[in-house]
């Protein structure tokens, strides 16, 4: 029954106001592009945070590693490009980094699911957009 009504509404809108229907479908495309850009930004931020987390080094553990391999390797200095902080700070920053990466990953997954759903059935979301316009006025 509902499917029949929805199909009748789609037919009415496509016949009576093709420009309105075109705008509704274009809006679905715009939302998809917006969600894709947001997902791409969150992925870039997650990768950046992960790279920064890899550069964090615990001063004591690095010193222990150097001391244990002192006779095998001759170290002239610390690893280049790494941040050296206390053990507690490394642990805290890594926990914070994983929390942020997890939250951003969850948001990206939700955006990707929405993008896929709107791509598979754009008519439904265009219709939903038009119904929302009528409902709020």
C-alpha atoms as a PDB file:
ATOM      1  CA  UNK A   1       0.000   0.000   0.000  1.00  0.00           C
ATOM      2  CA  UNK A   2       2.702   2.497   1.027  1.00  0.00           C
ATOM      3  CA  UNK A   3       4.826   1.537  -1.943  1.00  0.00           C
ATOM      4  CA  UNK A   4       1.873   2.263  -4.235  1.00  0.00           C
ATOM      5  CA  UNK A   5       1.372   5.676  -2.654  1.00  0.00           C
ATOM      6  CA  UNK A   6       5.051   6.493  -2.903  1.00  0.00           C
ATOM      7  CA  UNK A   7       5.124   5.462  -6.562  1.00  0.00           C
ATOM      8  CA  UNK A   8       2.036   7.580  -7.250  1.00  0.00           C
ATOM      9  CA  UNK A   9       3.696  10.542  -5.527  1.00  0.00           C
ATOM     10  CA  UNK A  10       6.861  10.051  -7.583  1.00  0.00           C
ATOM     11  CA  UNK A  11       4.808   9.873 -10.777  1.00  0.00           C
ATOM     12  CA  UNK A  12       2.890  13.005  -9.813  1.00  0.00           C
ATOM     13  CA  UNK A  13       6.033  14.947  -8.994  1.00  0.00           C
ATOM     14  CA  UNK A  14       7.869  13.809 -12.126  1.00  0.00           C
ATOM     15  CA  UNK A  15       4.914  14.747 -14.362  1.00  0.00           C
ATOM     16  CA  UNK A  16       3.668  17.852 -12.599  1.00  0.00           C
ATOM     17  CA  UNK A  17       6.945  19.398 -11.599  1.00  0.00           C
ATOM     18  CA  UNK A  18       9.962  17.887 -13.366  1.00  0.00           C
ATOM     19  CA  UNK A  19      12.096  20.847 -12.316  1.00  0.00           C
ATOM     20  CA  UNK A  20      11.250  20.208  -8.670  1.00  0.00           C
ATOM     21  CA  UNK A  21      12.155  16.542  -9.085  1.00  0.00           C
ATOM     22  CA  UNK A  22      15.454  17.477 -10.769  1.00  0.00           C
ATOM     23  CA  UNK A  23      16.278  19.771  -7.862  1.00  0.00           C
ATOM     24  CA  UNK A  24      15.471  17.017  -5.354  1.00  0.00           C
ATOM     25  CA  UNK A  25      17.756  14.541  -7.126  1.00  0.00           C
ATOM     26  CA  UNK A  26      20.491  17.173  -7.368  1.00  0.00           C
ATOM     27  CA  UNK A  27      20.196  17.765  -3.625  1.00  0.00           C
ATOM     28  CA  UNK A  28      20.801  14.054  -2.998  1.00  0.00           C
ATOM     29  CA  UNK A  29      23.961  14.279  -5.112  1.00  0.00           C
ATOM     30  CA  UNK A  30      25.089  17.375  -3.175  1.00  0.00           C
ATOM     31  CA  UNK A  31      24.628  15.593   0.147  1.00  0.00           C
ATOM     32  CA  UNK A  32      26.643  12.630  -1.157  1.00  0.00           C
ATOM     33  CA  UNK A  33      29.507  14.892  -2.207  1.00  0.00           C
ATOM     34  CA  UNK A  34      29.403  16.686   1.160  1.00  0.00           C
ATOM     35  CA  UNK A  35      29.518  13.402   3.087  1.00  0.00           C
ATOM     36  CA  UNK A  36      32.362  12.142   0.887  1.00  0.00           C
ATOM     37  CA  UNK A  37      34.423  15.277   1.561  1.00  0.00           C
ATOM     38  CA  UNK A  38      33.805  14.996   5.305  1.00  0.00           C
ATOM     39  CA  UNK A  39      34.837  11.327   5.240  1.00  0.00           C
ATOM     40  CA  UNK A  40      38.002  12.160   3.275  1.00  0.00           C
ATOM     41  CA  UNK A  41      38.948  14.904   5.754  1.00  0.00           C
ATOM     42  CA  UNK A  42      38.395  12.592   8.722  1.00  0.00           C
ATOM     43  CA  UNK A  43      40.504   9.885   7.078  1.00  0.00           C
ATOM     44  CA  UNK A  44      43.312  12.391   6.474  1.00  0.00           C
ATOM     45  CA  UNK A  45      43.139  13.571  10.106  1.00  0.00           C
ATOM     46  CA  UNK A  46      43.196   9.961  11.343  1.00  0.00           C
ATOM     47  CA  UNK A  47      46.257   9.154   9.227  1.00  0.00           C
ATOM     48  CA  UNK A  48      48.002  12.296  10.485  1.00  0.00           C
ATOM     49  CA  UNK A  49      47.267  11.427  14.111  1.00  0.00           C
ATOM     50  CA  UNK A  50      48.483   7.859  13.541  1.00  0.00           C
ATOM     51  CA  UNK A  51      51.755   9.127  12.025  1.00  0.00           C
ATOM     52  CA  UNK A  52      52.261  11.505  14.950  1.00  0.00           C
ATOM     53  CA  UNK A  53      51.617   8.665  17.391  1.00  0.00           C
ATOM     54  CA  UNK A  54      54.284   6.577  15.655  1.00  0.00           C
ATOM     55  CA  UNK A  55      56.774   9.398  16.217  1.00  0.00           C
ATOM     56  CA  UNK A  56      56.177   9.448  19.968  1.00  0.00           C
ATOM     57  CA  UNK A  57      58.986   7.751  21.848  1.00  0.00           C
ATOM     58  CA  UNK A  58      59.481   7.142  25.531  1.00  0.00           C
ATOM     59  CA  UNK A  59      62.829   8.616  26.581  1.00  0.00           C
ATOM     60  CA  UNK A  60      63.600   5.808  29.054  1.00  0.00           C
ATOM     61  CA  UNK A  61      62.756   2.941  26.699  1.00  0.00           C
ATOM     62  CA  UNK A  62      64.852   4.470  23.912  1.00  0.00           C
ATOM     63  CA  UNK A  63      67.778   4.857  26.304  1.00  0.00           C
ATOM     64  CA  UNK A  64      67.397   1.206  27.443  1.00  0.00           C
ATOM     65  CA  UNK A  65      67.380   0.003  23.825  1.00  0.00           C
ATOM     66  CA  UNK A  66      70.512   2.028  23.057  1.00  0.00           C
ATOM     67  CA  UNK A  67      72.296   0.735  26.142  1.00  0.00           C
ATOM     68  CA  UNK A  68      71.459  -2.888  25.325  1.00  0.00           C
ATOM     69  CA  UNK A  69      72.810  -2.577  21.773  1.00  0.00           C
ATOM     70  CA  UNK A  70      75.672  -0.222  22.561  1.00  0.00           C
ATOM     71  CA  UNK A  71      78.368  -2.728  21.706  1.00  0.00           C
ATOM     72  CA  UNK A  72      76.636  -3.809  18.472  1.00  0.00           C
ATOM     73  CA  UNK A  73      75.718  -0.409  17.046  1.00  0.00           C
ATOM     74  CA  UNK A  74      77.371   2.926  17.392  1.00  0.00           C
ATOM     75  CA  UNK A  75      74.643   5.531  17.923  1.00  0.00           C
ATOM     76  CA  UNK A  76      75.625   9.097  17.277  1.00  0.00           C
ATOM     77  CA  UNK A  77      72.281  10.536  18.315  1.00  0.00           C
ATOM     78  CA  UNK A  78      68.621   9.923  18.820  1.00  0.00           C
ATOM     79  CA  UNK A  79      66.213   8.873  16.089  1.00  0.00           C
ATOM     80  CA  UNK A  80      65.513  11.791  13.826  1.00  0.00           C
ATOM     81  CA  UNK A  81      61.948  13.035  13.479  1.00  0.00           C
ATOM     82  CA  UNK A  82      60.716  11.592  16.777  1.00  0.00           C
ATOM     83  CA  UNK A  83      59.224  13.359  19.772  1.00  0.00           C
ATOM     84  CA  UNK A  84      60.775  12.356  23.097  1.00  0.00           C
ATOM     85  CA  UNK A  85      58.622  12.780  26.184  1.00  0.00           C
ATOM     86  CA  UNK A  86      58.032  10.994  29.469  1.00  0.00           C
ATOM     87  CA  UNK A  87      56.498   7.517  29.610  1.00  0.00           C
ATOM     88  CA  UNK A  88      53.226   8.810  31.089  1.00  0.00           C
ATOM     89  CA  UNK A  89      52.882  11.447  28.375  1.00  0.00           C
ATOM     90  CA  UNK A  90      53.502   8.871  25.638  1.00  0.00           C
ATOM     91  CA  UNK A  91      50.830   6.591  27.089  1.00  0.00           C
ATOM     92  CA  UNK A  92      48.356   9.445  27.515  1.00  0.00           C
ATOM     93  CA  UNK A  93      48.877  10.818  24.023  1.00  0.00           C
ATOM     94  CA  UNK A  94      48.611   7.369  22.452  1.00  0.00           C
ATOM     95  CA  UNK A  95      45.360   6.643  24.306  1.00  0.00           C
ATOM     96  CA  UNK A  96      43.960  10.032  23.251  1.00  0.00           C
ATOM     97  CA  UNK A  97      45.088   9.400  19.685  1.00  0.00           C
ATOM     98  CA  UNK A  98      43.384   5.997  19.521  1.00  0.00           C
ATOM     99  CA  UNK A  99      40.177   7.435  20.976  1.00  0.00           C
ATOM    100  CA  UNK A 100      40.114  10.207  18.366  1.00  0.00           C
ATOM    101  CA  UNK A 101      40.930   7.775  15.548  1.00  0.00           C
ATOM    102  CA  UNK A 102      38.158   5.414  16.735  1.00  0.00           C
ATOM    103  CA  UNK A 103      35.556   8.203  16.852  1.00  0.00           C
ATOM    104  CA  UNK A 104      36.572   9.532  13.437  1.00  0.00           C
ATOM    105  CA  UNK A 105      36.482   5.999  11.994  1.00  0.00           C
ATOM    106  CA  UNK A 106      32.956   5.498  13.305  1.00  0.00           C
ATOM    107  CA  UNK A 107      31.835   8.776  11.724  1.00  0.00           C
ATOM    108  CA  UNK A 108      33.493   7.802   8.420  1.00  0.00           C
ATOM    109  CA  UNK A 109      31.749   4.418   8.428  1.00  0.00           C
ATOM    110  CA  UNK A 110      28.365   6.078   9.001  1.00  0.00           C
ATOM    111  CA  UNK A 111      29.033   8.555   6.181  1.00  0.00           C
ATOM    112  CA  UNK A 112      30.087   5.799   3.793  1.00  0.00           C
ATOM    113  CA  UNK A 113      26.942   3.796   4.564  1.00  0.00           C
ATOM    114  CA  UNK A 114      24.800   6.895   3.915  1.00  0.00           C
ATOM    115  CA  UNK A 115      26.631   7.615   0.665  1.00  0.00           C
ATOM    116  CA  UNK A 116      26.076   4.055  -0.554  1.00  0.00           C
ATOM    117  CA  UNK A 117      22.397   4.092   0.393  1.00  0.00           C
ATOM    118  CA  UNK A 118      21.764   7.421  -1.362  1.00  0.00           C
ATOM    119  CA  UNK A 119      23.686   6.269  -4.431  1.00  0.00           C
ATOM    120  CA  UNK A 120      21.722   3.029  -4.737  1.00  0.00           C
ATOM    121  CA  UNK A 121      18.299   4.639  -4.320  1.00  0.00           C
ATOM    122  CA  UNK A 122      18.468   8.387  -5.005  1.00  0.00           C
ATOM    123  CA  UNK A 123      14.740   8.589  -5.833  1.00  0.00           C
ATOM    124  CA  UNK A 124      13.770   7.672  -2.279  1.00  0.00           C
ATOM    125  CA  UNK A 125      16.018  10.299  -0.748  1.00  0.00           C
ATOM    126  CA  UNK A 126      14.916  12.924  -3.278  1.00  0.00           C
ATOM    127  CA  UNK A 127      11.311  12.146  -2.371  1.00  0.00           C
ATOM    128  CA  UNK A 128      12.164  12.301   1.320  1.00  0.00           C
ATOM    129  CA  UNK A 129      13.783  15.693   0.778  1.00  0.00           C
ATOM    130  CA  UNK A 130      10.696  16.998  -1.014  1.00  0.00           C
ATOM    131  CA  UNK A 131       8.359  15.632   1.664  1.00  0.00           C
ATOM    132  CA  UNK A 132      10.510  17.305   4.335  1.00  0.00           C
ATOM    133  CA  UNK A 133      10.198  20.609   2.490  1.00  0.00           C
ATOM    134  CA  UNK A 134       6.413  20.316   2.460  1.00  0.00           C
ATOM    135  CA  UNK A 135       6.248  19.127   6.071  1.00  0.00           C
ATOM    136  CA  UNK A 136       8.214  22.078   7.479  1.00  0.00           C
ATOM    137  CA  UNK A 137       6.307  24.794   5.641  1.00  0.00           C
END
